[in-house]
Amino acid sequence: MRLKADFERVQGGGKRIADSYFSMTFRPNELGAARLGLAVAIRTVGNAVARNRVRRCVKESFRLAQHDLPPVDIVVAARARVKGAKPEELRASLAALWNKVAIRCATSSGA
């Protein structure tokens, strides 16, 4: 996702899940595929090198998980604890959150 309106739509009416590394807000879409938006702030993560490292980690994790996700728009926001985390910890955190998104979307659409 790149448009401000898309981010606002998700942030305004989406469901939220989080752990100590990331916060995810998600909302179903009608496009037939999952889309990703990133919010990695300088205050939270630090300089450009650190922010880009986190972005690359999130994008790669999403690339691997997107085929298992329902059609949903997801905004991933980094939390302060990301700054000192190892890549393995971030990947494990993201994998768990992708699973939660898939489960929450499946249970909400089945009801």
Protein backbone atom coordinates (compact mmCIF):
# COMPACT_ATOMS: atom_id res chain seq x y z
CA MET A 1 0.00 0.00 0.00
CA ARG A 2 1.26 3.45 -0.83
CA LEU A 3 -1.70 5.81 -0.69
CA LYS A 4 -2.46 7.79 2.43
CA ALA A 5 -6.16 6.99 2.03
CA ASP A 6 -5.41 3.25 2.18
CA PHE A 7 -3.43 3.66 5.41
CA GLU A 8 -6.17 5.81 6.94
CA ARG A 9 -8.88 3.31 5.98
CA VAL A 10 -6.99 0.47 7.65
CA GLN A 11 -6.00 2.48 10.73
CA GLY A 12 -9.51 3.87 11.14
CA GLY A 13 -11.53 0.69 10.90
CA GLY A 14 -9.16 -2.22 11.26
CA LYS A 15 -8.48 -4.78 13.95
CA ARG A 16 -5.23 -4.62 15.91
CA ILE A 17 -2.86 -7.28 17.16
CA ALA A 18 0.58 -6.81 18.64
CA ASP A 19 3.53 -8.30 20.41
CA SER A 20 6.66 -6.76 21.87
CA TYR A 21 8.24 -6.10 18.43
CA PHE A 22 5.41 -5.17 16.06
CA SER A 23 1.88 -3.87 15.99
CA MET A 24 -0.37 -4.90 13.09
CA THR A 25 -3.62 -3.31 12.02
CA PHE A 26 -5.55 -5.18 9.37
CA ARG A 27 -8.77 -4.87 7.45
CA PRO A 28 -10.27 -7.08 4.70
CA ASN A 29 -10.09 -5.79 1.14
CA GLU A 30 -11.90 -6.65 -2.08
CA LEU A 31 -8.76 -7.04 -4.21
CA GLY A 32 -8.32 -10.78 -3.75
CA ALA A 33 -4.79 -10.52 -2.35
CA ALA A 34 -3.06 -9.37 0.83
CA ARG A 35 -1.32 -5.98 0.76
CA LEU A 36 1.31 -4.59 3.10
CA GLY A 37 1.94 -1.10 4.45
CA LEU A 38 4.87 -0.18 6.69
CA ALA A 39 5.20 2.36 9.48
CA VAL A 40 8.79 2.34 10.74
CA ALA A 41 9.47 5.62 12.52
CA ILE A 42 12.85 7.22 13.12
CA ARG A 43 11.96 7.80 16.79
CA THR A 44 11.16 4.15 17.27
CA VAL A 45 13.92 2.41 15.35
CA GLY A 46 16.66 4.94 14.74
CA ASN A 47 18.71 5.91 11.71
CA ALA A 48 18.03 5.00 8.08
CA VAL A 49 20.21 1.89 8.19
CA ALA A 50 18.23 0.45 11.11
CA ARG A 51 14.87 1.40 9.62
CA ASN A 52 15.72 -0.17 6.27
CA ARG A 53 16.92 -3.35 8.00
CA VAL A 54 13.55 -3.65 9.73
CA ARG A 55 11.65 -2.87 6.51
CA ARG A 56 13.57 -5.53 4.58
CA CYS A 57 12.86 -8.09 7.28
CA VAL A 58 9.12 -7.31 7.29
CA LYS A 59 8.88 -7.31 3.48
CA GLU A 60 10.66 -10.65 3.17
CA SER A 61 8.51 -12.21 5.87
CA PHE A 62 5.37 -10.90 4.15
CA ARG A 63 6.57 -12.19 0.77
CA LEU A 64 6.86 -15.68 2.22
CA ALA A 65 3.53 -15.55 4.08
CA GLN A 66 1.29 -13.63 1.68
CA HIS A 67 -0.06 -16.72 -0.08
CA ASP A 68 -1.34 -18.07 3.24
CA LEU A 69 -3.12 -14.82 4.12
CA PRO A 70 -6.69 -13.91 3.17
CA PRO A 71 -7.34 -10.77 1.07
CA VAL A 72 -6.51 -8.16 3.69
CA ASP A 73 -4.70 -4.83 3.96
CA ILE A 74 -2.10 -4.89 6.75
CA VAL A 75 -0.20 -1.98 8.28
CA VAL A 76 2.83 -3.11 10.28
CA ALA A 77 4.26 -0.65 12.79
CA ALA A 78 7.59 -1.27 14.49
CA ARG A 79 7.83 -0.93 18.27
CA ALA A 80 10.83 0.29 20.27
CA ARG A 81 12.04 -3.20 21.16
CA VAL A 82 12.82 -3.85 17.47
CA LYS A 83 15.92 -1.70 17.80
CA GLY A 84 18.02 -4.29 19.64
CA ALA A 85 16.42 -7.45 18.28
CA LYS A 86 18.14 -10.18 16.30
CA PRO A 87 16.76 -10.99 12.82
CA GLU A 88 15.65 -14.46 13.98
CA GLU A 89 13.53 -12.90 16.73
CA LEU A 90 11.90 -10.53 14.26
CA ARG A 91 11.14 -13.33 11.79
CA ALA A 92 9.59 -15.47 14.53
CA SER A 93 7.51 -12.54 15.77
CA LEU A 94 6.24 -11.75 12.28
CA ALA A 95 5.42 -15.39 11.51
CA ALA A 96 3.32 -15.61 14.66
CA LEU A 97 1.52 -12.36 13.82
CA TRP A 98 0.79 -13.47 10.23
CA ASN A 99 -0.79 -16.63 11.67
CA LYS A 100 -2.90 -14.56 14.05
CA VAL A 101 -4.09 -12.36 11.18
CA ALA A 102 -5.10 -15.42 9.16
CA ILE A 103 -6.94 -16.95 12.12
CA ARG A 104 -8.72 -13.71 13.09
CA CYS A 105 -9.86 -13.12 9.50
CA ALA A 106 -11.06 -16.72 9.13
CA THR A 107 -13.07 -16.61 12.36
CA SER A 108 -14.60 -13.20 11.60
CA SER A 109 -15.67 -14.17 8.08
CA GLY A 110 -17.10 -17.50 9.27
CA ALA A 111 -19.37 -15.89 11.86
